[in-house]
Amino acid sequence: MASKPRPRTISVYLYIPNIIGYIRVLLNCYAFAICFTNKELFSILYFISFVCDALDGWFARKFNQVSTFGAVLDMVTDRISTACLLVILSQVYRPSFIFLSLLALDIASHWFQMYSTFLVGKSNHKDVKDSTSWLFKLYYGNRMFMGYCCVACELLYITLFLLAKESEKMTDVLLEAAKQSIISSVLLALLLFGWATKQLVNVIQMKTAADLCVLYDINKKHNA
C-alpha cells in the first residue's frame, strides 16, 4: 500500500501575507538596533512595520491566503514589537512601572484571549459576538474603530519616545507638548482617548477570557 505523500508546508510559508510578516520582523529588528542612535529613522521604520500589519490582513483575504501560521506570526510580531517599545519607554520615563504594567496587560490579555478562543472551539480570537460588553464587540466588530485605537496607541508611544529625555516624567512631557498649540492639544487628546480605550478593551478582554476558562473547568467537572 503506497504511503500518502506528505503535505507541502513550504507553500504556506511563502504566502504573500506571511512574507509581509517576515519583512515586518526584519524592519523591527533593524529599527530597535538603531533606536537610541537615530530616533527619527527608528520611528519611521517602526510605523512602516505597523502599517504592514494592516496590509498582511488585506492580502490574506484578497488572495485567499488566510492561515493559522500567519495569524500567529502576526500576533507574535505585534506583541513583541509593542513590548520592546514599552521596555524602552520604561527606561527613559519615570515611573517606569507604568510602561511595564502596560506591557504585562497587553501580553496577558491577548494570551488569555487566544487560549480561551481555542478552548471554546472558535477559529478566530476576534469572534466576540457572544460577549456582553458593547465596547468589546464594537472594538472587534468595527475595523475603523479598532484601527483608530491601535493607531492612536502606537503613535502615542512613538511620540513619547521622540520627545523623551533621560529619566523625565511622562506627565511633564505630555503637558509641554499640549501647550505648543491648539492643534497639538487636539491631536494629543485624540491619541490619549484611543490609547485609553485600547487599554480598557485589554482589561475587558482579559476578564472575559478568564471567565471562559473558568466556565470550561466548571463544565468539565460537571461532565466528568
N, C-alpha and C. Protein backbone atom coordinates (compact mmCIF):
# COMPACT_ATOMS: atom_id res chain seq x y z
N MET A 1 0.85 -1.20 0.00
CA MET A 1 0.00 0.00 0.00
C MET A 1 0.88 1.24 0.00
N ALA A 2 0.68 2.09 -0.99
CA ALA A 2 1.53 3.28 -1.12
C ALA A 2 1.21 4.27 -0.01
N SER A 3 2.26 4.81 0.55
CA SER A 3 2.08 5.80 1.62
C SER A 3 1.63 7.13 1.02
N LYS A 4 0.83 7.84 1.80
CA LYS A 4 0.34 9.13 1.34
C LYS A 4 1.48 10.14 1.33
N PRO A 5 1.54 10.95 0.29
CA PRO A 5 2.61 11.96 0.25
C PRO A 5 2.42 12.99 1.37
N ARG A 6 3.53 13.43 1.93
CA ARG A 6 3.46 14.43 2.99
C ARG A 6 2.98 15.76 2.41
N PRO A 7 2.09 16.44 3.14
CA PRO A 7 1.62 17.74 2.64
C PRO A 7 2.76 18.74 2.61
N ARG A 8 2.75 19.56 1.60
CA ARG A 8 3.82 20.55 1.45
C ARG A 8 3.53 21.75 2.35
N THR A 9 4.50 22.09 3.17
CA THR A 9 4.33 23.23 4.08
C THR A 9 4.97 24.50 3.52
N ILE A 10 5.87 24.32 2.57
CA ILE A 10 6.62 25.47 2.06
C ILE A 10 5.70 26.51 1.44
N SER A 11 4.60 26.06 0.83
CA SER A 11 3.71 26.99 0.16
C SER A 11 3.07 27.97 1.15
N VAL A 12 2.71 27.48 2.35
CA VAL A 12 2.12 28.35 3.37
C VAL A 12 3.13 29.38 3.84
N TYR A 13 4.36 28.95 4.01
CA TYR A 13 5.42 29.87 4.44
C TYR A 13 5.63 31.00 3.43
N LEU A 14 5.30 30.72 2.17
CA LEU A 14 5.52 31.70 1.11
C LEU A 14 4.25 32.47 0.72
N TYR A 15 3.21 32.35 1.51
CA TYR A 15 2.03 33.17 1.28
C TYR A 15 2.42 34.65 1.34
N ILE A 16 1.79 35.46 0.51
CA ILE A 16 2.12 36.89 0.47
C ILE A 16 2.00 37.56 1.84
N PRO A 17 0.90 37.34 2.59
CA PRO A 17 0.81 37.98 3.91
C PRO A 17 1.90 37.52 4.88
N ASN A 18 2.35 36.27 4.74
CA ASN A 18 3.40 35.78 5.61
C ASN A 18 4.76 36.39 5.25
N ILE A 19 4.98 36.62 3.96
CA ILE A 19 6.20 37.30 3.53
C ILE A 19 6.22 38.72 4.07
N ILE A 20 5.05 39.37 4.06
CA ILE A 20 4.95 40.70 4.66
C ILE A 20 5.29 40.62 6.15
N GLY A 21 4.86 39.54 6.79
CA GLY A 21 5.18 39.34 8.20
C GLY A 21 6.67 39.23 8.44
N TYR A 22 7.39 38.53 7.55
CA TYR A 22 8.85 38.42 7.69
C TYR A 22 9.50 39.79 7.53
N ILE A 23 8.98 40.57 6.58
CA ILE A 23 9.52 41.92 6.36
C ILE A 23 9.32 42.77 7.60
N ARG A 24 8.16 42.62 8.25
CA ARG A 24 7.89 43.36 9.49
C ARG A 24 8.92 43.00 10.57
N VAL A 25 9.23 41.72 10.67
CA VAL A 25 10.21 41.28 11.68
C VAL A 25 11.57 41.91 11.41
N LEU A 26 12.00 41.90 10.14
CA LEU A 26 13.30 42.48 9.78
C LEU A 26 13.33 43.99 10.03
N LEU A 27 12.23 44.67 9.67
CA LEU A 27 12.15 46.11 9.90
C LEU A 27 12.27 46.44 11.39
N ASN A 28 11.57 45.66 12.21
CA ASN A 28 11.61 45.90 13.65
C ASN A 28 12.99 45.60 14.24
N CYS A 29 13.61 44.53 13.77
CA CYS A 29 14.95 44.19 14.27
C CYS A 29 15.93 45.33 14.01
N TYR A 30 15.90 45.86 12.79
CA TYR A 30 16.81 46.95 12.46
C TYR A 30 16.42 48.22 13.20
N ALA A 31 15.12 48.47 13.31
CA ALA A 31 14.65 49.69 13.98
C ALA A 31 15.11 49.72 15.44
N PHE A 32 14.94 48.63 16.14
CA PHE A 32 15.33 48.60 17.55
C PHE A 32 16.85 48.61 17.73
N ALA A 33 17.56 48.13 16.70
CA ALA A 33 19.02 48.15 16.78
C ALA A 33 19.56 49.58 16.73
N ILE A 34 18.81 50.50 16.10
CA ILE A 34 19.29 51.88 15.95
C ILE A 34 18.45 52.89 16.76
N CYS A 35 17.57 52.38 17.62
CA CYS A 35 16.59 53.27 18.26
C CYS A 35 17.22 54.39 19.07
N PHE A 36 18.38 54.15 19.68
CA PHE A 36 18.98 55.19 20.50
C PHE A 36 19.97 56.08 19.73
N THR A 37 20.34 55.64 18.54
CA THR A 37 21.27 56.43 17.74
C THR A 37 20.56 57.26 16.67
N ASN A 38 19.37 56.81 16.27
CA ASN A 38 18.61 57.54 15.25
C ASN A 38 17.11 57.39 15.53
N LYS A 39 16.61 58.25 16.40
CA LYS A 39 15.22 58.15 16.83
C LYS A 39 14.24 58.32 15.68
N GLU A 40 14.55 59.24 14.77
CA GLU A 40 13.64 59.53 13.68
C GLU A 40 13.49 58.33 12.74
N LEU A 41 14.64 57.74 12.36
CA LEU A 41 14.60 56.58 11.47
C LEU A 41 13.91 55.41 12.16
N PHE A 42 14.19 55.24 13.44
CA PHE A 42 13.52 54.18 14.20
C PHE A 42 12.01 54.35 14.13
N SER A 43 11.53 55.55 14.37
CA SER A 43 10.10 55.82 14.38
C SER A 43 9.46 55.55 13.02
N ILE A 44 10.17 55.92 11.95
CA ILE A 44 9.65 55.69 10.60
C ILE A 44 9.55 54.19 10.31
N LEU A 45 10.63 53.46 10.62
CA LEU A 45 10.64 52.02 10.36
C LEU A 45 9.61 51.29 11.21
N TYR A 46 9.50 51.70 12.46
CA TYR A 46 8.53 51.07 13.36
C TYR A 46 7.10 51.29 12.85
N PHE A 47 6.83 52.52 12.40
CA PHE A 47 5.48 52.81 11.93
C PHE A 47 5.19 52.10 10.60
N ILE A 48 6.20 51.98 9.73
CA ILE A 48 6.01 51.23 8.48
C ILE A 48 5.64 49.78 8.79
N SER A 49 6.35 49.21 9.76
CA SER A 49 6.06 47.84 10.19
C SER A 49 4.63 47.74 10.71
N PHE A 50 4.21 48.77 11.45
CA PHE A 50 2.85 48.78 11.99
C PHE A 50 1.82 48.85 10.86
N VAL A 51 2.08 49.68 9.86
CA VAL A 51 1.16 49.80 8.71
C VAL A 51 1.06 48.47 7.96
N CYS A 52 2.19 47.77 7.87
CA CYS A 52 2.20 46.47 7.19
C CYS A 52 1.30 45.46 7.89
N ASP A 53 1.03 45.71 9.18
CA ASP A 53 0.14 44.83 9.93
C ASP A 53 -1.26 44.84 9.33
N ALA A 54 -1.68 45.98 8.80
CA ALA A 54 -2.98 46.06 8.14
C ALA A 54 -2.92 45.47 6.73
N LEU A 55 -1.77 45.65 6.07
CA LEU A 55 -1.63 45.15 4.70
C LEU A 55 -1.67 43.63 4.63
N ASP A 56 -1.04 42.95 5.59
CA ASP A 56 -0.99 41.49 5.50
C ASP A 56 -2.39 40.88 5.62
N GLY A 57 -3.23 41.49 6.45
CA GLY A 57 -4.60 41.00 6.56
C GLY A 57 -5.38 41.20 5.26
N TRP A 58 -5.16 42.35 4.62
CA TRP A 58 -5.85 42.63 3.36
C TRP A 58 -5.42 41.65 2.28
N PHE A 59 -4.12 41.41 2.18
CA PHE A 59 -3.61 40.46 1.18
C PHE A 59 -4.11 39.04 1.47
N ALA A 60 -4.20 38.69 2.76
CA ALA A 60 -4.67 37.35 3.12
C ALA A 60 -6.09 37.12 2.63
N ARG A 61 -6.95 38.12 2.80
CA ARG A 61 -8.33 38.00 2.35
C ARG A 61 -8.44 38.11 0.83
N LYS A 62 -7.65 39.00 0.25
CA LYS A 62 -7.70 39.24 -1.20
C LYS A 62 -7.31 37.99 -1.99
N PHE A 63 -6.25 37.31 -1.57
CA PHE A 63 -5.74 36.15 -2.32
C PHE A 63 -6.09 34.82 -1.67
N ASN A 64 -7.04 34.86 -0.71
CA ASN A 64 -7.47 33.65 -0.03
C ASN A 64 -6.27 32.90 0.57
N GLN A 65 -5.42 33.64 1.26
CA GLN A 65 -4.22 33.06 1.86
C GLN A 65 -4.24 33.22 3.38
N VAL A 66 -5.41 33.10 3.96
CA VAL A 66 -5.54 33.12 5.42
C VAL A 66 -4.97 31.82 5.97
N SER A 67 -4.11 31.91 6.98
CA SER A 67 -3.52 30.71 7.56
C SER A 67 -3.34 30.89 9.06
N THR A 68 -3.37 29.76 9.78
CA THR A 68 -3.15 29.80 11.23
C THR A 68 -1.74 30.29 11.53
N PHE A 69 -0.77 29.83 10.74
CA PHE A 69 0.61 30.29 10.92
C PHE A 69 0.70 31.80 10.76
N GLY A 70 0.03 32.32 9.74
CA GLY A 70 0.06 33.76 9.51
C GLY A 70 -0.55 34.54 10.65
N ALA A 71 -1.66 34.02 11.20
CA ALA A 71 -2.33 34.70 12.32
C ALA A 71 -1.43 34.72 13.55
N VAL A 72 -0.75 33.59 13.80
CA VAL A 72 0.16 33.53 14.95
C VAL A 72 1.37 34.44 14.74
N LEU A 73 1.93 34.41 13.53
CA LEU A 73 3.08 35.27 13.21
C LEU A 73 2.71 36.73 13.40
N ASP A 74 1.50 37.09 12.94
CA ASP A 74 1.03 38.46 13.03
C ASP A 74 0.90 38.91 14.49
N MET A 75 0.25 38.08 15.31
CA MET A 75 0.05 38.45 16.71
C MET A 75 1.37 38.49 17.48
N VAL A 76 2.24 37.50 17.26
CA VAL A 76 3.52 37.47 17.96
C VAL A 76 4.37 38.70 17.60
N THR A 77 4.37 39.05 16.32
CA THR A 77 5.12 40.24 15.88
C THR A 77 4.55 41.50 16.52
N ASP A 78 3.23 41.60 16.56
CA ASP A 78 2.59 42.76 17.20
C ASP A 78 2.98 42.88 18.66
N ARG A 79 2.84 41.76 19.38
CA ARG A 79 3.07 41.79 20.83
C ARG A 79 4.54 42.07 21.15
N ILE A 80 5.46 41.45 20.42
CA ILE A 80 6.89 41.65 20.69
C ILE A 80 7.30 43.08 20.35
N SER A 81 6.78 43.61 19.23
CA SER A 81 7.12 44.98 18.83
C SER A 81 6.68 45.99 19.90
N THR A 82 5.42 45.88 20.32
CA THR A 82 4.91 46.78 21.34
C THR A 82 5.64 46.59 22.65
N ALA A 83 5.92 45.34 23.01
CA ALA A 83 6.62 45.05 24.26
C ALA A 83 8.01 45.69 24.28
N CYS A 84 8.73 45.58 23.18
CA CYS A 84 10.08 46.17 23.11
C CYS A 84 10.02 47.69 23.25
N LEU A 85 9.05 48.32 22.59
CA LEU A 85 8.92 49.77 22.69
C LEU A 85 8.55 50.19 24.11
N LEU A 86 7.69 49.44 24.76
CA LEU A 86 7.31 49.76 26.14
C LEU A 86 8.49 49.59 27.09
N VAL A 87 9.32 48.59 26.85
CA VAL A 87 10.52 48.41 27.68
C VAL A 87 11.45 49.61 27.52
N ILE A 88 11.62 50.07 26.28
CA ILE A 88 12.46 51.24 26.04
C ILE A 88 11.89 52.48 26.74
N LEU A 89 10.59 52.67 26.64
CA LEU A 89 9.95 53.81 27.30
C LEU A 89 10.11 53.73 28.81
N SER A 90 10.12 52.52 29.34
CA SER A 90 10.27 52.35 30.79
C SER A 90 11.67 52.76 31.26
N GLN A 91 12.61 52.82 30.32
CA GLN A 91 13.98 53.21 30.67
C GLN A 91 14.21 54.71 30.58
N VAL A 92 13.34 55.41 29.88
CA VAL A 92 13.55 56.85 29.69
C VAL A 92 12.52 57.71 30.42
N TYR A 93 11.50 57.06 31.00
CA TYR A 93 10.48 57.80 31.75
C TYR A 93 10.36 57.24 33.16
N ARG A 94 9.96 58.10 34.06
CA ARG A 94 9.66 57.71 35.42
C ARG A 94 8.25 58.13 35.78
N PRO A 95 7.48 57.27 36.46
CA PRO A 95 7.87 55.94 36.94
C PRO A 95 7.81 54.89 35.83
N SER A 96 8.82 54.04 35.78
CA SER A 96 8.89 53.03 34.73
C SER A 96 7.82 51.96 34.90
N PHE A 97 7.29 51.84 36.11
CA PHE A 97 6.29 50.82 36.40
C PHE A 97 5.06 50.96 35.50
N ILE A 98 4.75 52.19 35.08
CA ILE A 98 3.58 52.42 34.22
C ILE A 98 3.71 51.64 32.92
N PHE A 99 4.85 51.75 32.28
CA PHE A 99 5.04 51.09 30.98
C PHE A 99 5.18 49.58 31.12
N LEU A 100 5.80 49.14 32.21
CA LEU A 100 5.92 47.70 32.43
C LEU A 100 4.54 47.09 32.73
N SER A 101 3.69 47.84 33.40
CA SER A 101 2.32 47.37 33.66
C SER A 101 1.53 47.28 32.36
N LEU A 102 1.71 48.27 31.48
CA LEU A 102 1.03 48.23 30.18
C LEU A 102 1.50 47.03 29.36
N LEU A 103 2.78 46.73 29.45
CA LEU A 103 3.34 45.57 28.75
C LEU A 103 2.70 44.29 29.27
N ALA A 104 2.63 44.15 30.60
CA ALA A 104 2.05 42.95 31.20
C ALA A 104 0.58 42.80 30.82
N LEU A 105 -0.16 43.90 30.84
CA LEU A 105 -1.58 43.86 30.47
C LEU A 105 -1.77 43.44 29.02
N ASP A 106 -0.96 43.98 28.13
CA ASP A 106 -1.07 43.68 26.71
C ASP A 106 -0.83 42.20 26.44
N ILE A 107 0.24 41.65 27.01
CA ILE A 107 0.56 40.24 26.77
C ILE A 107 -0.46 39.32 27.45
N ALA A 108 -0.80 39.63 28.70
CA ALA A 108 -1.73 38.77 29.44
C ALA A 108 -3.10 38.72 28.79
N SER A 109 -3.62 39.88 28.38
CA SER A 109 -4.96 39.91 27.80
C SER A 109 -5.02 39.13 26.49
N HIS A 110 -4.00 39.26 25.66
CA HIS A 110 -4.00 38.55 24.38
C HIS A 110 -3.74 37.06 24.57
N TRP A 111 -2.92 36.71 25.54
CA TRP A 111 -2.68 35.29 25.80
C TRP A 111 -3.95 34.62 26.29
N PHE A 112 -4.64 35.26 27.24
CA PHE A 112 -5.91 34.73 27.74
C PHE A 112 -6.92 34.59 26.60
N GLN A 113 -6.98 35.62 25.76
CA GLN A 113 -7.96 35.62 24.66
C GLN A 113 -7.68 34.50 23.67
N MET A 114 -6.42 34.32 23.29
CA MET A 114 -6.07 33.26 22.35
C MET A 114 -6.37 31.88 22.93
N TYR A 115 -5.99 31.68 24.20
CA TYR A 115 -6.17 30.36 24.82
C TYR A 115 -7.65 30.04 24.97
N SER A 116 -8.44 31.01 25.42
CA SER A 116 -9.88 30.78 25.60
C SER A 116 -10.57 30.55 24.26
N THR A 117 -10.06 31.20 23.20
CA THR A 117 -10.62 31.01 21.86
C THR A 117 -10.55 29.55 21.43
N PHE A 118 -9.38 28.94 21.65
CA PHE A 118 -9.21 27.54 21.27
C PHE A 118 -9.99 26.60 22.20
N LEU A 119 -10.14 26.99 23.47
CA LEU A 119 -10.88 26.17 24.42
C LEU A 119 -12.34 26.01 24.01
N VAL A 120 -12.93 27.10 23.53
CA VAL A 120 -14.35 27.05 23.17
C VAL A 120 -14.57 26.66 21.71
N GLY A 121 -13.48 26.38 20.99
CA GLY A 121 -13.59 25.87 19.63
C GLY A 121 -13.77 26.92 18.56
N LYS A 122 -13.44 28.17 18.85
CA LYS A 122 -13.54 29.21 17.84
C LYS A 122 -12.26 29.22 17.00
N SER A 123 -12.39 29.68 15.78
CA SER A 123 -11.23 29.70 14.88
C SER A 123 -10.53 31.06 14.85
N ASN A 124 -11.19 32.07 15.42
CA ASN A 124 -10.64 33.42 15.37
C ASN A 124 -10.83 34.11 16.71
N HIS A 125 -9.75 34.68 17.25
CA HIS A 125 -9.83 35.32 18.56
C HIS A 125 -10.63 36.62 18.51
N LYS A 126 -10.94 37.09 17.30
CA LYS A 126 -11.74 38.31 17.16
C LYS A 126 -13.24 38.04 17.10
N ASP A 127 -13.61 36.78 17.23
CA ASP A 127 -15.03 36.41 17.25
C ASP A 127 -15.56 36.62 18.67
N VAL A 128 -16.18 37.76 18.90
CA VAL A 128 -16.67 38.10 20.24
C VAL A 128 -18.17 38.42 20.22
N LYS A 129 -18.88 37.81 19.29
CA LYS A 129 -20.32 38.09 19.16
C LYS A 129 -21.10 37.75 20.42
N ASP A 130 -20.64 36.75 21.19
CA ASP A 130 -21.37 36.33 22.38
C ASP A 130 -20.96 37.11 23.63
N SER A 131 -20.11 38.12 23.48
CA SER A 131 -19.69 38.92 24.62
C SER A 131 -20.83 39.83 25.09
N THR A 132 -20.85 40.11 26.39
CA THR A 132 -21.87 41.01 26.95
C THR A 132 -21.40 42.46 26.97
N SER A 133 -20.15 42.71 26.61
CA SER A 133 -19.61 44.06 26.63
C SER A 133 -19.78 44.73 25.26
N TRP A 134 -20.52 45.84 25.23
CA TRP A 134 -20.74 46.55 23.96
C TRP A 134 -19.44 47.12 23.42
N LEU A 135 -18.54 47.57 24.33
CA LEU A 135 -17.27 48.14 23.88
C LEU A 135 -16.39 47.06 23.26
N PHE A 136 -16.38 45.89 23.86
CA PHE A 136 -15.59 44.77 23.35
C PHE A 136 -16.08 44.37 21.96
N LYS A 137 -17.40 44.30 21.78
CA LYS A 137 -17.97 43.94 20.48
C LYS A 137 -17.75 45.03 19.45
N LEU A 138 -17.81 46.29 19.90
CA LEU A 138 -17.56 47.41 18.98
C LEU A 138 -16.12 47.40 18.50
N TYR A 139 -15.19 47.12 19.41
CA TYR A 139 -13.76 47.13 19.09
C TYR A 139 -13.42 46.09 18.03
N TYR A 140 -13.87 44.86 18.24
CA TYR A 140 -13.55 43.79 17.28
C TYR A 140 -14.52 43.73 16.11
N GLY A 141 -15.68 44.36 16.25
CA GLY A 141 -16.66 44.30 15.19
C GLY A 141 -16.58 45.44 14.19
N ASN A 142 -15.89 46.51 14.55
CA ASN A 142 -15.77 47.67 13.67
C ASN A 142 -14.29 47.92 13.37
N ARG A 143 -13.88 47.59 12.15
CA ARG A 143 -12.47 47.71 11.78
C ARG A 143 -11.95 49.14 11.89
N MET A 144 -12.79 50.10 11.55
CA MET A 144 -12.37 51.50 11.63
C MET A 144 -12.08 51.92 13.07
N PHE A 145 -12.95 51.53 13.98
CA PHE A 145 -12.78 51.87 15.39
C PHE A 145 -11.55 51.18 15.98
N MET A 146 -11.39 49.89 15.67
CA MET A 146 -10.22 49.17 16.15
C MET A 146 -8.95 49.76 15.57
N GLY A 147 -9.00 50.12 14.28
CA GLY A 147 -7.83 50.73 13.64
C GLY A 147 -7.46 52.04 14.30
N TYR A 148 -8.47 52.86 14.61
CA TYR A 148 -8.21 54.14 15.28
C TYR A 148 -7.53 53.92 16.63
N CYS A 149 -8.05 52.99 17.43
CA CYS A 149 -7.48 52.74 18.75
C CYS A 149 -6.04 52.23 18.65
N CYS A 150 -5.80 51.32 17.72
CA CYS A 150 -4.45 50.76 17.56
C CYS A 150 -3.46 51.81 17.06
N VAL A 151 -3.87 52.60 16.06
CA VAL A 151 -3.00 53.64 15.53
C VAL A 151 -2.71 54.69 16.61
N ALA A 152 -3.74 55.10 17.35
CA ALA A 152 -3.56 56.08 18.41
C ALA A 152 -2.58 55.59 19.46
N CYS A 153 -2.71 54.34 19.83
CA CYS A 153 -1.83 53.76 20.85
C CYS A 153 -0.37 53.76 20.39
N GLU A 154 -0.14 53.26 19.18
CA GLU A 154 1.24 53.17 18.69
C GLU A 154 1.83 54.56 18.44
N LEU A 155 1.02 55.48 17.90
CA LEU A 155 1.52 56.84 17.66
C LEU A 155 1.84 57.55 18.97
N LEU A 156 1.05 57.29 20.00
CA LEU A 156 1.34 57.89 21.31
C LEU A 156 2.68 57.40 21.84
N TYR A 157 2.93 56.11 21.72
CA TYR A 157 4.20 55.55 22.19
C TYR A 157 5.38 56.10 21.38
N ILE A 158 5.21 56.20 20.07
CA ILE A 158 6.28 56.75 19.23
C ILE A 158 6.53 58.22 19.58
N THR A 159 5.45 58.98 19.78
CA THR A 159 5.58 60.39 20.14
C THR A 159 6.32 60.55 21.46
N LEU A 160 5.95 59.74 22.44
CA LEU A 160 6.62 59.79 23.73
C LEU A 160 8.11 59.47 23.59
N PHE A 161 8.41 58.51 22.72
CA PHE A 161 9.82 58.16 22.52
C PHE A 161 10.59 59.30 21.86
N LEU A 162 9.98 59.94 20.87
CA LEU A 162 10.65 61.05 20.18
C LEU A 162 10.87 62.25 21.11
N LEU A 163 9.95 62.47 22.04
CA LEU A 163 10.05 63.60 22.95
C LEU A 163 10.84 63.30 24.22
N ALA A 164 11.22 62.05 24.38
CA ALA A 164 11.81 61.62 25.65
C ALA A 164 13.21 62.18 25.88
N LYS A 165 13.43 62.51 27.12
CA LYS A 165 14.76 62.82 27.62
C LYS A 165 14.98 61.92 28.83
N GLU A 166 16.22 61.60 29.11
CA GLU A 166 16.52 60.60 30.12
C GLU A 166 15.88 60.91 31.47
N SER A 167 15.21 59.90 32.03
CA SER A 167 14.61 59.96 33.37
C SER A 167 13.67 61.15 33.54
N GLU A 168 12.83 61.41 32.56
CA GLU A 168 11.90 62.52 32.63
C GLU A 168 10.50 62.01 32.94
N LYS A 169 9.70 62.84 33.61
CA LYS A 169 8.33 62.45 33.93
C LYS A 169 7.46 62.54 32.69
N MET A 170 6.67 61.50 32.46
CA MET A 170 5.83 61.44 31.28
C MET A 170 4.79 62.57 31.28
N THR A 171 4.21 62.85 32.44
CA THR A 171 3.19 63.90 32.52
C THR A 171 3.75 65.26 32.11
N ASP A 172 4.99 65.55 32.51
CA ASP A 172 5.61 66.82 32.13
C ASP A 172 5.78 66.93 30.63
N VAL A 173 6.18 65.83 29.99
CA VAL A 173 6.39 65.82 28.54
C VAL A 173 5.06 66.02 27.81
N LEU A 174 4.02 65.34 28.26
CA LEU A 174 2.71 65.46 27.62
C LEU A 174 2.13 66.87 27.78
N LEU A 175 2.27 67.46 28.97
CA LEU A 175 1.76 68.81 29.20
C LEU A 175 2.51 69.83 28.36
N GLU A 176 3.81 69.65 28.24
CA GLU A 176 4.63 70.56 27.44
C GLU A 176 4.24 70.46 25.96
N ALA A 177 3.98 69.25 25.49
CA ALA A 177 3.57 69.06 24.10
C ALA A 177 2.20 69.66 23.84
N ALA A 178 1.31 69.55 24.83
CA ALA A 178 -0.05 70.08 24.66
C ALA A 178 -0.06 71.61 24.62
N LYS A 179 0.93 72.24 25.25
CA LYS A 179 0.99 73.70 25.31
C LYS A 179 1.51 74.33 24.02
N GLN A 180 2.02 73.52 23.11
CA GLN A 180 2.63 74.05 21.89
C GLN A 180 1.62 74.79 21.02
N SER A 181 0.43 74.19 20.84
CA SER A 181 -0.61 74.81 20.01
C SER A 181 -1.93 74.10 20.23
N ILE A 182 -3.01 74.69 19.72
CA ILE A 182 -4.32 74.08 19.82
C ILE A 182 -4.36 72.76 19.06
N ILE A 183 -3.72 72.76 17.88
CA ILE A 183 -3.70 71.55 17.05
C ILE A 183 -3.01 70.40 17.77
N SER A 184 -1.86 70.70 18.38
CA SER A 184 -1.13 69.65 19.09
C SER A 184 -1.93 69.15 20.29
N SER A 185 -2.68 70.04 20.92
CA SER A 185 -3.52 69.64 22.06
C SER A 185 -4.63 68.70 21.61
N VAL A 186 -5.27 69.02 20.49
CA VAL A 186 -6.36 68.19 19.97
C VAL A 186 -5.83 66.83 19.53
N LEU A 187 -4.71 66.84 18.81
CA LEU A 187 -4.12 65.58 18.35
C LEU A 187 -3.72 64.70 19.53
N LEU A 188 -3.14 65.33 20.54
CA LEU A 188 -2.73 64.58 21.72
C LEU A 188 -3.94 63.99 22.45
N ALA A 189 -5.02 64.77 22.49
CA ALA A 189 -6.25 64.29 23.13
C ALA A 189 -6.82 63.09 22.39
N LEU A 190 -6.78 63.13 21.05
CA LEU A 190 -7.27 62.01 20.24
C LEU A 190 -6.42 60.76 20.47
N LEU A 191 -5.10 60.95 20.56
CA LEU A 191 -4.20 59.82 20.80
C LEU A 191 -4.46 59.22 22.18
N LEU A 192 -4.62 60.08 23.17
CA LEU A 192 -4.85 59.60 24.54
C LEU A 192 -6.18 58.86 24.66
N PHE A 193 -7.21 59.38 23.98
CA PHE A 193 -8.51 58.72 24.03
C PHE A 193 -8.45 57.32 23.40
N GLY A 194 -7.81 57.23 22.22
CA GLY A 194 -7.67 55.93 21.56
C GLY A 194 -6.84 54.97 22.38
N TRP A 195 -5.77 55.50 22.98
CA TRP A 195 -4.90 54.67 23.84
C TRP A 195 -5.67 54.16 25.05
N ALA A 196 -6.40 55.05 25.73
CA ALA A 196 -7.16 54.67 26.93
C ALA A 196 -8.23 53.63 26.59
N THR A 197 -8.89 53.81 25.45
CA THR A 197 -9.92 52.86 25.02
C THR A 197 -9.32 51.48 24.80
N LYS A 198 -8.16 51.44 24.18
CA LYS A 198 -7.50 50.15 23.92
C LYS A 198 -7.10 49.46 25.22
N GLN A 199 -6.65 50.23 26.20
CA GLN A 199 -6.28 49.62 27.48
C GLN A 199 -7.51 49.07 28.19
N LEU A 200 -8.63 49.80 28.10
CA LEU A 200 -9.87 49.32 28.69
C LEU A 200 -10.34 48.04 28.01
N VAL A 201 -10.21 48.00 26.69
CA VAL A 201 -10.57 46.79 25.95
C VAL A 201 -9.68 45.63 26.39
N ASN A 202 -8.40 45.89 26.62
CA ASN A 202 -7.49 44.84 27.10
C ASN A 202 -7.96 44.27 28.44
N VAL A 203 -8.40 45.15 29.32
CA VAL A 203 -8.89 44.69 30.63
C VAL A 203 -10.15 43.84 30.46
N ILE A 204 -11.09 44.33 29.63
CA ILE A 204 -12.33 43.58 29.37
C ILE A 204 -12.01 42.24 28.72
N GLN A 205 -11.07 42.27 27.78
CA GLN A 205 -10.68 41.05 27.07
C GLN A 205 -10.12 40.01 28.02
N MET A 206 -9.25 40.45 28.94
CA MET A 206 -8.64 39.51 29.88
C MET A 206 -9.69 38.92 30.83
N LYS A 207 -10.60 39.78 31.33
CA LYS A 207 -11.65 39.29 32.24
C LYS A 207 -12.61 38.35 31.52
N THR A 208 -13.01 38.70 30.31
CA THR A 208 -13.93 37.85 29.54
C THR A 208 -13.29 36.50 29.25
N ALA A 209 -12.03 36.51 28.83
CA ALA A 209 -11.33 35.26 28.52
C ALA A 209 -11.11 34.42 29.77
N ALA A 210 -10.81 35.07 30.89
CA ALA A 210 -10.63 34.34 32.15
C ALA A 210 -11.93 33.66 32.57
N ASP A 211 -13.06 34.36 32.38
CA ASP A 211 -14.37 33.78 32.69
C ASP A 211 -14.63 32.53 31.84
N LEU A 212 -14.25 32.58 30.58
CA LEU A 212 -14.45 31.43 29.69
C LEU A 212 -13.61 30.24 30.15
N CYS A 213 -12.39 30.51 30.61
CA CYS A 213 -11.52 29.44 31.11
C CYS A 213 -12.12 28.80 32.36
N VAL A 214 -12.66 29.64 33.25
CA VAL A 214 -13.28 29.13 34.48
C VAL A 214 -14.53 28.31 34.16
N LEU A 215 -15.35 28.81 33.24
CA LEU A 215 -16.55 28.08 32.84
C LEU A 215 -16.21 26.73 32.20
N TYR A 216 -15.12 26.71 31.44
CA TYR A 216 -14.66 25.45 30.84
C TYR A 216 -14.32 24.43 31.92
N ASP A 217 -13.63 24.89 32.97
CA ASP A 217 -13.27 24.00 34.07
C ASP A 217 -14.51 23.49 34.80
N ILE A 218 -15.48 24.39 35.03
CA ILE A 218 -16.71 24.01 35.73
C ILE A 218 -17.50 22.97 34.93
N ASN A 219 -17.63 23.22 33.63
CA ASN A 219 -18.36 22.28 32.77
C ASN A 219 -17.66 20.95 32.67
N LYS A 220 -16.33 21.01 32.66
CA LYS A 220 -15.55 19.77 32.57
C LYS A 220 -15.78 18.91 33.81
N LYS A 221 -15.86 19.54 35.00
CA LYS A 221 -16.08 18.79 36.24
C LYS A 221 -17.49 18.22 36.29
N HIS A 222 -18.47 19.01 35.80
CA HIS A 222 -19.86 18.54 35.82
C HIS A 222 -20.07 17.37 34.87
N ASN A 223 -19.31 17.36 33.77
CA ASN A 223 -19.47 16.29 32.77
C ASN A 223 -18.61 15.08 33.05
N ALA A 224 -17.75 15.17 34.08
CA ALA A 224 -16.85 14.06 34.40
C ALA A 224 -17.62 12.87 34.99
